[in-house]
C-alpha atoms as a PDB file:
ATOM      1  CA  UNK A   1     -23.855  -7.117 -16.467  1.00  0.00           C
ATOM      2  CA  UNK A   2     -25.173  -3.581 -16.010  1.00  0.00           C
ATOM      3  CA  UNK A   3     -26.871  -4.213 -12.680  1.00  0.00           C
ATOM      4  CA  UNK A   4     -23.776  -5.565 -10.844  1.00  0.00           C
ATOM      5  CA  UNK A   5     -21.709  -2.630 -12.127  1.00  0.00           C
ATOM      6  CA  UNK A   6     -24.377  -0.137 -11.048  1.00  0.00           C
ATOM      7  CA  UNK A   7     -24.563  -1.782  -7.630  1.00  0.00           C
ATOM      8  CA  UNK A   8     -20.779  -1.702  -7.284  1.00  0.00           C
ATOM      9  CA  UNK A   9     -20.700   1.993  -8.223  1.00  0.00           C
ATOM     10  CA  UNK A  10     -23.503   2.843  -5.807  1.00  0.00           C
ATOM     11  CA  UNK A  11     -21.933   0.843  -2.984  1.00  0.00           C
ATOM     12  CA  UNK A  12     -18.540   2.443  -3.584  1.00  0.00           C
ATOM     13  CA  UNK A  13     -20.052   5.942  -3.524  1.00  0.00           C
ATOM     14  CA  UNK A  14     -22.044   5.264  -0.364  1.00  0.00           C
ATOM     15  CA  UNK A  15     -19.174   3.617   1.484  1.00  0.00           C
ATOM     16  CA  UNK A  16     -16.586   6.200   0.484  1.00  0.00           C
ATOM     17  CA  UNK A  17     -18.641   9.354   1.156  1.00  0.00           C
ATOM     18  CA  UNK A  18     -17.231  10.097   4.623  1.00  0.00           C
ATOM     19  CA  UNK A  19     -13.788   8.895   3.616  1.00  0.00           C
ATOM     20  CA  UNK A  20     -13.756  11.206   0.585  1.00  0.00           C
ATOM     21  CA  UNK A  21     -14.877  14.159   2.697  1.00  0.00           C
ATOM     22  CA  UNK A  22     -11.985  13.592   5.092  1.00  0.00           C
ATOM     23  CA  UNK A  23      -9.542  13.299   2.194  1.00  0.00           C
ATOM     24  CA  UNK A  24     -10.833  16.576   0.735  1.00  0.00           C
ATOM     25  CA  UNK A  25     -10.331  18.348   4.062  1.00  0.00           C
ATOM     26  CA  UNK A  26      -6.776  16.986   4.218  1.00  0.00           C
ATOM     27  CA  UNK A  27      -6.177  17.914   0.548  1.00  0.00           C
ATOM     28  CA  UNK A  28      -5.151  14.339  -0.278  1.00  0.00           C
ATOM     29  CA  UNK A  29      -5.371  14.666  -4.051  1.00  0.00           C
ATOM     30  CA  UNK A  30      -3.880  11.247  -4.845  1.00  0.00           C
ATOM     31  CA  UNK A  31      -6.539   9.375  -2.866  1.00  0.00           C
ATOM     32  CA  UNK A  32      -9.411  11.402  -4.320  1.00  0.00           C
ATOM     33  CA  UNK A  33      -8.027  10.929  -7.826  1.00  0.00           C
ATOM     34  CA  UNK A  34      -7.783   7.182  -7.247  1.00  0.00           C
ATOM     35  CA  UNK A  35     -11.401   7.035  -6.077  1.00  0.00           C
ATOM     36  CA  UNK A  36     -12.636   8.925  -9.111  1.00  0.00           C
ATOM     37  CA  UNK A  37     -10.488   6.764 -11.400  1.00  0.00           C
ATOM     38  CA  UNK A  38     -12.246   3.647 -10.099  1.00  0.00           C
ATOM     39  CA  UNK A  39     -15.681   5.295 -10.438  1.00  0.00           C
ATOM     40  CA  UNK A  40     -14.980   6.374 -14.023  1.00  0.00           C
ATOM     41  CA  UNK A  41     -13.633   2.897 -14.818  1.00  0.00           C
ATOM     42  CA  UNK A  42     -16.874   1.338 -13.553  1.00  0.00           C
ATOM     43  CA  UNK A  43     -18.955   3.827 -15.557  1.00  0.00           C
ATOM     44  CA  UNK A  44     -16.961   3.148 -18.732  1.00  0.00           C
ATOM     45  CA  UNK A  45     -17.346  -0.594 -18.239  1.00  0.00           C
ATOM     46  CA  UNK A  46     -21.094  -0.178 -17.872  1.00  0.00           C
ATOM     47  CA  UNK A  47     -21.222   1.971 -21.015  1.00  0.00           C
ATOM     48  CA  UNK A  48     -19.402  -0.695 -23.020  1.00  0.00           C
ATOM     49  CA  UNK A  49     -21.695  -3.405 -21.658  1.00  0.00           C
ATOM     50  CA  UNK A  50     -24.826  -1.427 -22.569  1.00  0.00           C
ATOM     51  CA  UNK A  51     -23.514  -0.720 -26.073  1.00  0.00           C
ATOM     52  CA  UNK A  52     -22.770  -4.411 -26.580  1.00  0.00           C
ATOM     53  CA  UNK A  53     -26.200  -5.356 -25.308  1.00  0.00           C
ATOM     54  CA  UNK A  54     -27.831  -2.835 -27.656  1.00  0.00           C
ATOM     55  CA  UNK A  55     -25.990  -4.385 -30.592  1.00  0.00           C
ATOM     56  CA  UNK A  56     -27.375  -7.805 -29.723  1.00  0.00           C
ATOM     57  CA  UNK A  57     -30.928  -6.404 -29.709  1.00  0.00           C
ATOM     58  CA  UNK A  58     -30.679  -4.869 -33.187  1.00  0.00           C
ATOM     59  CA  UNK A  59     -30.967  -6.899 -36.356  1.00  0.00           C
ATOM     60  CA  UNK A  60     -28.009  -6.855 -38.725  1.00  0.00           C
ATOM     61  CA  UNK A  61     -29.887  -4.564 -41.073  1.00  0.00           C
ATOM     62  CA  UNK A  62     -30.485  -1.935 -38.364  1.00  0.00           C
ATOM     63  CA  UNK A  63     -27.095  -1.926 -36.610  1.00  0.00           C
ATOM     64  CA  UNK A  64     -25.918   1.065 -38.650  1.00  0.00           C
ATOM     65  CA  UNK A  65     -28.897   3.088 -37.400  1.00  0.00           C
ATOM     66  CA  UNK A  66     -28.451   2.116 -33.761  1.00  0.00           C
ATOM     67  CA  UNK A  67     -26.266   4.979 -32.624  1.00  0.00           C
ATOM     68  CA  UNK A  68     -27.768   7.718 -34.787  1.00  0.00           C
ATOM     69  CA  UNK A  69     -30.109   9.043 -32.035  1.00  0.00           C
ATOM     70  CA  UNK A  70     -27.211   9.083 -29.579  1.00  0.00           C
ATOM     71  CA  UNK A  71     -25.065  11.103 -31.981  1.00  0.00           C
ATOM     72  CA  UNK A  72     -27.853  13.583 -32.705  1.00  0.00           C
ATOM     73  CA  UNK A  73     -28.621  14.016 -29.006  1.00  0.00           C
ATOM     74  CA  UNK A  74     -24.923  14.648 -28.333  1.00  0.00           C
ATOM     75  CA  UNK A  75     -24.907  17.379 -31.001  1.00  0.00           C
ATOM     76  CA  UNK A  76     -28.070  18.965 -29.589  1.00  0.00           C
ATOM     77  CA  UNK A  77     -26.597  18.958 -26.075  1.00  0.00           C
ATOM     78  CA  UNK A  78     -23.575  20.880 -27.305  1.00  0.00           C
ATOM     79  CA  UNK A  79     -25.783  23.263 -29.240  1.00  0.00           C
ATOM     80  CA  UNK A  80     -27.958  23.909 -26.180  1.00  0.00           C
ATOM     81  CA  UNK A  81     -24.833  24.519 -24.123  1.00  0.00           C
ATOM     82  CA  UNK A  82     -23.616  27.105 -26.591  1.00  0.00           C
ATOM     83  CA  UNK A  83     -26.943  28.909 -26.483  1.00  0.00           C
ATOM     84  CA  UNK A  84     -26.943  29.124 -22.681  1.00  0.00           C
ATOM     85  CA  UNK A  85     -23.365  30.394 -22.269  1.00  0.00           C
ATOM     86  CA  UNK A  86     -24.104  34.080 -23.025  1.00  0.00           C
ATOM     87  CA  UNK A  87     -27.072  34.100 -20.621  1.00  0.00           C
ATOM     88  CA  UNK A  88     -24.953  32.637 -17.837  1.00  0.00           C
ATOM     89  CA  UNK A  89     -22.198  35.200 -18.421  1.00  0.00           C
ATOM     90  CA  UNK A  90     -24.614  38.129 -18.338  1.00  0.00           C
ATOM     91  CA  UNK A  91     -26.115  37.032 -15.010  1.00  0.00           C
ATOM     92  CA  UNK A  92     -22.756  36.858 -13.238  1.00  0.00           C
END
């Protein structure tokens, strides 16, 4: 299920590139918001499909450990972002 969703997202981005640029020049916020809503909906659907697929790959005993690396990586990303904020502010 991931591949058709990725293809749909890629096709939508490629086909709507010029259209979105025109809408940005015209300041058509509703159309741009609608485009991004559809793109985020496709990305969320893919995320749910990948999570479901990952659960089918894990044995029952290991399901509780399946999302631990994802949670730790998420924490480390936030931590790295906090470390870089002062450097970015001092360069500006």
